[in-house]
Protein backbone atom coordinates (compact mmCIF):
# COMPACT_ATOMS: atom_id res chain seq x y z
CA MET A 1 -0.02 -0.10 -0.10
CA THR A 2 1.25 3.44 -0.88
CA GLN A 3 2.26 5.77 1.91
CA VAL A 4 0.45 9.16 2.55
CA THR A 5 3.99 10.77 2.44
CA GLU A 6 4.76 8.57 -0.73
CA ALA A 7 1.11 9.65 -2.43
CA GLU A 8 2.20 13.31 -1.66
CA ALA A 9 5.43 13.23 -3.29
CA LEU A 10 3.86 11.63 -6.25
CA ILE A 11 1.42 14.53 -6.55
CA LEU A 12 3.62 17.20 -5.93
CA ALA A 13 5.93 15.65 -8.63
CA HIS A 14 3.61 15.89 -11.14
CA MET A 15 1.87 19.24 -10.01
CA PRO A 16 1.82 21.86 -12.81
CA ARG A 17 2.79 25.33 -11.96
CA PHE A 18 -0.48 27.30 -12.53
CA PRO A 19 -0.22 30.37 -14.65
CA ALA A 20 -0.90 33.83 -12.85
CA ARG A 21 -2.96 36.77 -13.00
CA HIS A 22 -3.79 39.97 -11.87
CA GLU A 23 -6.97 40.13 -9.88
CA PRO A 24 -8.53 43.22 -7.80
CA LEU A 25 -7.74 42.77 -3.79
CA PRO A 26 -11.24 41.93 -3.10
CA ALA A 27 -10.74 38.96 -5.20
CA CYS A 28 -7.17 38.15 -3.80
CA ILE A 29 -8.66 36.76 -0.47
CA GLY A 30 -7.54 32.94 -0.24
CA ARG A 31 -5.18 33.05 -3.24
CA VAL A 32 -1.34 32.45 -3.54
CA LEU A 33 0.71 35.54 -4.17
CA ALA A 34 2.79 34.93 -7.50
CA GLU A 35 5.12 37.91 -6.99
CA ASP A 36 7.44 39.58 -4.43
CA VAL A 37 5.82 42.86 -3.30
CA GLN A 38 8.20 45.61 -2.07
CA ALA A 39 7.05 48.57 0.17
CA GLU A 40 6.05 51.47 -1.99
CA ARG A 41 7.46 54.22 0.21
CA ASP A 42 8.94 54.48 3.77
CA GLN A 43 6.65 53.16 6.54
CA PRO A 44 5.65 55.32 8.46
CA PRO A 45 6.24 57.67 5.46
CA PHE A 46 6.78 60.73 7.67
CA ASP A 47 7.81 61.43 11.53
CA ARG A 48 4.38 60.46 13.04
CA VAL A 49 3.24 61.80 16.42
CA THR A 50 1.90 58.82 18.74
CA MET A 51 0.59 61.17 21.42
CA ASP A 52 -2.00 64.28 21.66
CA GLY A 53 -0.54 67.15 22.90
CA ILE A 54 2.16 69.94 21.75
CA ALA A 55 5.27 69.48 19.40
CA VAL A 56 8.32 71.42 20.54
CA ALA A 57 12.14 71.48 19.84
CA TYR A 58 13.97 69.53 22.71
CA ARG A 59 16.76 72.18 22.35
CA ASP A 60 14.38 74.63 23.69
CA LEU A 61 13.44 72.45 26.51
CA ALA A 62 17.30 71.66 27.01
CA ALA A 63 18.13 75.31 27.47
CA GLY A 64 15.19 75.70 30.69
CA THR A 65 12.04 76.88 28.23
CA ARG A 66 8.94 75.51 29.44
CA SER A 67 6.50 78.06 28.18
CA PHE A 68 5.83 78.01 24.16
CA GLU A 69 3.76 80.11 21.96
CA VAL A 70 1.12 78.28 20.01
CA VAL A 71 1.47 78.83 16.38
CA GLY A 72 -1.33 76.41 14.89
CA THR A 73 -2.60 73.17 15.10
CA GLN A 74 -1.53 70.27 12.99
CA ALA A 75 -4.18 68.45 11.33
CA ALA A 76 -4.02 65.01 9.96
CA GLY A 77 -3.61 64.95 6.05
CA ALA A 78 -1.94 68.32 5.87
CA GLU A 79 1.61 69.34 5.12
CA PRO A 80 3.49 69.92 8.28
CA LEU A 81 3.71 73.14 9.79
CA ALA A 82 6.65 74.60 11.29
CA VAL A 83 8.23 76.09 14.80
CA ALA A 84 10.80 77.98 15.50
CA ALA A 85 12.44 78.84 18.71
CA GLY A 86 10.13 78.97 21.62
CA GLN A 87 7.16 78.01 19.71
CA CYS A 88 4.99 74.71 19.63
CA VAL A 89 2.09 73.09 17.32
CA GLU A 90 -0.81 71.92 18.83
CA VAL A 91 -0.76 68.01 17.40
CA MET A 92 -2.91 64.73 17.71
CA THR A 93 -1.95 60.91 17.43
CA GLY A 94 -1.45 60.06 13.78
CA THR A 95 -0.52 63.34 12.25
CA PRO A 96 3.26 64.51 11.03
CA LEU A 97 5.50 66.25 13.25
CA PRO A 98 5.75 69.70 12.52
CA HIS A 99 9.25 70.84 10.92
CA GLY A 100 11.75 72.14 13.65
CA ALA A 101 9.88 69.77 16.11
CA ASP A 102 11.65 66.59 17.43
CA THR A 103 9.52 65.92 20.75
CA VAL A 104 5.90 65.68 21.88
CA VAL A 105 4.92 66.53 25.23
CA PRO A 106 1.39 64.62 26.10
CA VAL A 107 -1.40 67.22 26.70
CA GLU A 108 -1.91 66.02 30.01
CA ARG A 109 1.27 67.35 31.15
CA VAL A 110 0.52 70.51 29.46
CA GLN A 111 -1.56 73.83 30.60
CA ARG A 112 -3.07 76.01 27.94
CA ASN A 113 -3.69 79.64 28.65
CA GLY A 114 -4.71 81.20 25.63
CA ALA A 115 -1.95 81.49 22.87
CA VAL A 116 0.70 79.87 25.38
CA ALA A 117 1.28 76.32 26.52
CA ALA A 118 3.06 75.78 29.77
CA ILE A 119 4.68 72.22 30.56
CA ALA A 120 3.99 71.15 34.04
CA ALA A 121 7.03 71.94 36.36
CA ASP A 122 7.42 68.23 37.35
CA ALA A 123 6.74 67.23 33.98
CA THR A 124 9.84 64.89 32.63
CA VAL A 125 10.22 65.13 28.82
CA THR A 126 13.11 62.93 27.12
CA ALA A 127 14.36 63.72 23.53
CA LYS A 128 12.38 62.47 20.43
CA GLN A 129 9.46 61.14 22.80
CA PHE A 130 6.28 60.11 21.31
CA VAL A 131 7.44 60.28 17.75
CA HIS A 132 7.31 57.38 15.33
CA ARG A 133 10.37 57.86 13.22
CA ARG A 134 9.64 57.85 9.36
CA GLY A 135 10.97 54.51 7.81
CA SER A 136 11.53 52.84 11.44
CA ASP A 137 9.18 50.02 10.61
CA ARG A 138 10.26 49.31 6.87
CA PRO A 139 12.39 51.64 4.12
CA GLN A 140 11.10 51.90 0.70
CA GLY A 141 11.60 49.02 -1.22
CA SER A 142 12.14 46.39 1.45
CA LEU A 143 10.14 42.96 1.15
CA VAL A 144 6.67 43.07 2.47
CA LEU A 145 5.48 40.12 1.13
CA ARG A 146 6.87 36.90 -0.71
CA ALA A 147 5.83 35.03 -3.63
CA GLY A 148 3.77 32.12 -2.12
CA ALA A 149 2.25 33.51 0.57
CA ARG A 150 -1.31 32.70 1.09
CA LEU A 151 -3.28 35.81 1.15
CA GLY A 152 -5.57 36.47 3.90
CA PRO A 153 -6.86 39.74 5.49
CA PRO A 154 -3.82 40.94 7.10
CA GLU A 155 -1.96 40.46 3.66
CA ILE A 156 -4.87 42.35 1.77
CA ALA A 157 -3.89 45.31 4.12
CA VAL A 158 -0.15 44.63 3.44
CA LEU A 159 -0.88 44.91 -0.29
CA ALA A 160 -3.34 48.29 -0.14
CA GLY A 161 -0.44 49.46 2.07
CA ALA A 162 1.90 49.12 -0.82
CA GLY A 163 -0.25 51.02 -3.04
CA ARG A 164 -1.78 47.79 -4.82
CA ALA A 165 -4.97 47.87 -6.50
CA THR A 166 -4.34 44.52 -7.98
CA ALA A 167 -1.66 41.55 -7.53
CA LEU A 168 -0.68 38.77 -9.37
CA VAL A 169 -2.11 35.57 -7.86
CA ALA A 170 -1.73 31.90 -9.04
CA GLU A 171 -5.17 30.76 -10.93
CA LEU A 172 -7.32 28.60 -9.38
CA PRO A 173 -7.28 24.92 -10.17
CA ARG A 174 -10.16 23.08 -11.28
CA VAL A 175 -10.28 19.86 -9.05
CA ALA A 176 -12.26 16.57 -9.38
CA VAL A 177 -13.23 14.46 -6.53
CA ILE A 178 -13.79 11.11 -7.75
CA SER A 179 -15.61 8.36 -5.36
CA THR A 180 -15.59 4.66 -6.52
CA GLY A 181 -17.60 1.93 -5.16
CA ASP A 182 -20.61 -0.36 -6.02
CA GLU A 183 -21.76 0.17 -2.35
CA LEU A 184 -22.08 4.22 -2.57
CA VAL A 185 -25.44 5.46 -3.09
CA GLU A 186 -26.08 8.98 -3.37
CA ALA A 187 -28.24 10.98 -0.84
CA GLY A 188 -32.11 11.38 -2.07
CA PHE A 189 -31.75 7.52 -3.90
CA ALA A 190 -33.00 4.44 -1.89
CA VAL A 191 -30.47 2.63 -0.04
CA GLY A 192 -30.22 -1.25 0.41
CA PRO A 193 -29.19 -2.80 3.48
CA HIS A 194 -25.67 -4.04 1.80
CA GLN A 195 -25.06 -0.24 0.64
CA ILE A 196 -23.53 2.82 2.30
CA ARG A 197 -24.32 6.44 1.62
CA LEU A 198 -21.60 8.69 -0.57
CA THR A 199 -20.63 11.17 1.84
CA ASN A 200 -16.85 11.46 1.70
CA ASP A 201 -16.76 13.56 -1.54
CA ARG A 202 -19.06 16.05 -0.45
CA GLU A 203 -17.05 16.49 2.43
CA VAL A 204 -13.97 17.31 0.60
CA LYS A 205 -15.79 19.68 -1.95
CA ALA A 206 -17.52 21.54 0.83
CA GLY A 207 -13.94 22.03 2.25
CA MET A 208 -12.53 22.87 -0.71
CA ALA A 209 -15.17 25.37 -1.08
CA GLN A 210 -14.45 26.63 2.10
CA HIS A 211 -10.75 27.29 1.38
CA ARG A 212 -11.65 28.91 -2.03
CA LEU A 213 -9.57 26.01 -3.75
CA GLY A 214 -10.91 26.70 -7.11
CA ASN A 215 -13.89 24.83 -9.34
CA VAL A 216 -14.57 21.60 -7.53
CA THR A 217 -16.68 18.83 -9.51
CA ARG A 218 -17.94 15.48 -8.30
CA ALA A 219 -17.93 11.98 -9.87
CA ARG A 220 -19.18 8.72 -8.71
CA LEU A 221 -17.96 5.49 -10.27
CA ARG A 222 -18.46 1.97 -9.79
CA ASP A 223 -15.65 -0.27 -9.14
CA GLY A 224 -13.28 -0.74 -12.21
CA ALA A 225 -9.91 0.43 -13.38
CA LYS A 226 -11.20 1.10 -16.95
CA ALA A 227 -14.12 3.44 -15.65
CA LEU A 228 -11.62 5.43 -13.55
CA ALA A 229 -9.07 5.77 -16.43
CA VAL A 230 -11.73 6.94 -18.70
CA ALA A 231 -13.34 9.35 -16.27
CA ILE A 232 -9.81 10.98 -15.50
CA ASP A 233 -9.02 11.43 -19.24
CA ARG A 234 -12.51 13.44 -19.74
CA LEU A 235 -11.21 15.56 -17.08
CA ASP A 236 -8.14 16.56 -18.86
């Protein structure tokens, strides 16, 4: 009898490489990626604020400045504002760090009085705190997905983050599930006391459909090598 590992090796040895085609991302779930994918740009693509508060230049703090003139509010998706000596910009989590600033002080440690923001006397501030540096996750051009990856929800998000509206994926295979046996009877037909219901092929087909493994057909054959060979030839 052929062992499972031997059968798998035989199947893989005769498995053709599936052609690939570009598909829109919604159609790529469960598919196999057929190309390497690189980062479209640095990630994050700019110095990103990670805390609501004010953005300042740490050199001002090092020089003893604790009160800053508020010169604006940085909006998400807007070009970065700029700060000069003694100035700050109100920032929110996810916004670009203003030009000239390198440190964020949390809003909980700041008291606002009109156009002046004062940092609490007991607040400890370290240089470059609460800033997610540009390219610190991945630099532009770095590998984000390898060919052969099975595409699930996280991978679809990575593709979108790399600027891909489509992906090159392997085409789905055509699969035939063949059951043989004179004793097998389909559901819906009368079954004799010496016969059994045909069930395994339905389970296999349902499992393949659940995992989006292509167009699956079923065939039930009576015992006999010749009938099996003819059926397989017809499927080619």
